[in-house]
Protein backbone atom coordinates (compact mmCIF):
# COMPACT_ATOMS: atom_id res chain seq x y z
CA MET A 1 -0.01 0.00 0.01
CA ARG A 2 1.23 3.47 -0.61
CA HIS A 3 -0.37 5.50 2.02
CA LYS A 4 1.32 8.65 3.16
CA ASN A 5 4.22 8.13 0.52
CA GLY A 6 3.76 11.68 -0.68
CA ILE A 7 6.23 14.81 -0.40
CA LYS A 8 7.08 16.03 2.90
CA LYS A 9 6.00 19.64 3.38
CA LEU A 10 9.13 20.79 5.46
CA SER A 11 7.01 23.49 7.27
CA LYS A 12 7.12 25.50 4.16
CA PRO A 13 4.64 26.74 1.79
CA THR A 14 4.76 25.31 -1.73
CA ASP A 15 6.71 27.88 -3.66
CA GLN A 16 9.43 28.05 -0.79
CA ARG A 17 9.59 24.35 -0.53
CA ILE A 18 9.93 23.92 -4.35
CA ALA A 19 12.69 26.82 -4.19
CA LEU A 20 14.40 25.09 -1.47
CA LEU A 21 14.51 21.76 -2.95
CA ARG A 22 15.83 23.21 -6.32
CA SER A 23 18.79 25.08 -4.54
CA LEU A 24 19.72 21.96 -2.51
CA VAL A 25 19.96 19.83 -5.77
CA LEU A 26 21.62 22.40 -7.62
CA SER A 27 24.21 22.63 -4.90
CA LEU A 28 24.50 18.75 -4.83
CA PHE A 29 25.20 18.67 -8.58
CA THR A 30 27.79 21.53 -8.33
CA TYR A 31 29.62 20.45 -5.13
CA ASN A 32 28.97 16.64 -5.18
CA LYS A 33 28.00 16.80 -1.61
CA ILE A 34 25.95 18.95 0.71
CA LYS A 35 25.30 19.08 4.44
CA THR A 36 21.76 19.74 5.65
CA THR A 37 19.00 18.52 7.83
CA HIS A 38 18.07 14.90 7.51
CA LYS A 39 14.50 15.49 6.30
CA ARG A 40 15.74 18.17 3.62
CA ALA A 41 18.36 15.83 2.48
CA MET A 42 15.93 12.76 2.01
CA GLU A 43 13.62 15.04 -0.03
CA ALA A 44 16.54 16.53 -2.13
CA ARG A 45 17.68 12.93 -2.75
CA ARG A 46 14.45 11.93 -4.24
CA MET A 47 14.64 14.83 -6.71
CA ALA A 48 18.22 14.07 -7.35
CA GLU A 49 17.61 10.64 -8.13
CA LYS A 50 14.75 11.31 -10.49
CA LEU A 51 16.99 13.75 -12.32
CA ILE A 52 19.79 11.32 -12.74
CA THR A 53 17.18 8.63 -14.14
CA LEU A 54 15.76 11.13 -16.55
CA SER A 55 19.38 11.93 -17.77
CA LYS A 56 20.34 8.40 -18.57
CA GLU A 57 17.74 8.40 -21.20
CA ASN A 58 19.11 11.36 -22.90
CA SER A 59 16.15 12.26 -25.19
CA LEU A 60 14.68 15.66 -25.85
CA SER A 61 11.62 14.83 -23.90
CA SER A 62 13.61 13.80 -20.73
CA ARG A 63 15.86 16.92 -21.22
CA ARG A 64 12.75 19.06 -21.05
CA GLN A 65 11.15 17.30 -18.13
CA ALA A 66 14.62 17.70 -16.32
CA LEU A 67 14.64 21.45 -17.10
CA ARG A 68 11.26 21.75 -15.56
CA MET A 69 12.30 20.17 -12.37
CA LEU A 70 15.67 22.18 -12.24
CA PRO A 71 15.79 25.16 -14.54
CA ASN A 72 19.47 25.69 -14.93
CA GLU A 73 20.71 24.79 -18.36
CA GLU A 74 24.31 24.59 -17.42
CA ILE A 75 23.75 22.05 -14.76
CA ILE A 76 21.33 19.95 -16.88
CA THR A 77 23.82 19.83 -19.78
CA GLN A 78 26.49 18.67 -17.44
CA LEU A 79 24.29 16.06 -15.89
CA PHE A 80 23.27 14.63 -19.30
CA SER A 81 26.70 14.53 -20.46
CA GLN A 82 28.20 12.92 -17.52
CA SER A 83 25.38 10.60 -16.56
CA SER A 84 26.12 8.19 -19.40
CA SER A 85 29.62 7.33 -18.14
CA ARG A 86 29.22 7.95 -14.42
CA PHE A 87 25.84 6.15 -13.66
CA LYS A 88 25.46 3.77 -16.68
CA ASP A 89 25.79 0.42 -14.52
CA LYS A 90 23.48 1.40 -11.75
CA ASN A 91 19.62 1.38 -11.91
CA SER A 92 19.14 3.29 -8.66
CA GLY A 93 20.82 4.35 -5.42
CA TYR A 94 22.92 7.13 -6.91
CA THR A 95 23.24 9.10 -3.84
CA ARG A 96 23.63 8.29 -0.07
CA VAL A 97 22.49 10.12 3.10
CA ILE A 98 24.91 9.76 6.05
CA LYS A 99 23.74 10.88 9.36
CA LEU A 100 26.25 13.24 11.06
CA HIS A 101 25.35 14.84 14.20
CA PHE A 102 22.66 16.82 15.92
CA ARG A 103 22.66 20.77 15.43
CA LYS A 104 23.46 22.47 18.69
CA GLY A 105 20.71 25.20 18.79
CA ASP A 106 17.52 22.94 18.18
CA PHE A 107 18.87 19.47 18.31
CA THR A 108 18.02 18.81 14.60
CA PRO A 109 19.73 15.75 12.89
CA VAL A 110 22.20 16.89 10.27
CA SER A 111 23.07 14.72 7.46
CA LEU A 112 25.59 14.50 4.40
CA LEU A 113 24.11 13.94 1.12
CA GLU A 114 26.66 12.74 -1.49
CA PHE A 115 26.89 10.64 -4.67
CA VAL A 116 27.92 7.23 -4.53
CA GLU A 117 31.03 6.57 -6.69
């Protein structure tokens, strides 16, 4: 059953949540790893894995879908050119989330989101 398998709201309105996830995924593709709260890392992971799966197809339709999810042409072009060699043997599990510590001020779990090589 698929009950409660929707998106996490992250205590933000829809437009802010989408902007937050786009910036997290953009940072992940730029720097290959990011450090953020655990719930944000899990949601950014979902979006990043969908983009990588789209980039493996390398068609015009998949490129347009990827640009709709992450509107940054430089990163999408880089993703589509590198995904064929970097992730060609894997079907899923392109990223991993490692729990690091708890943040001092509010005791929120902090995680590291990075690509699996």
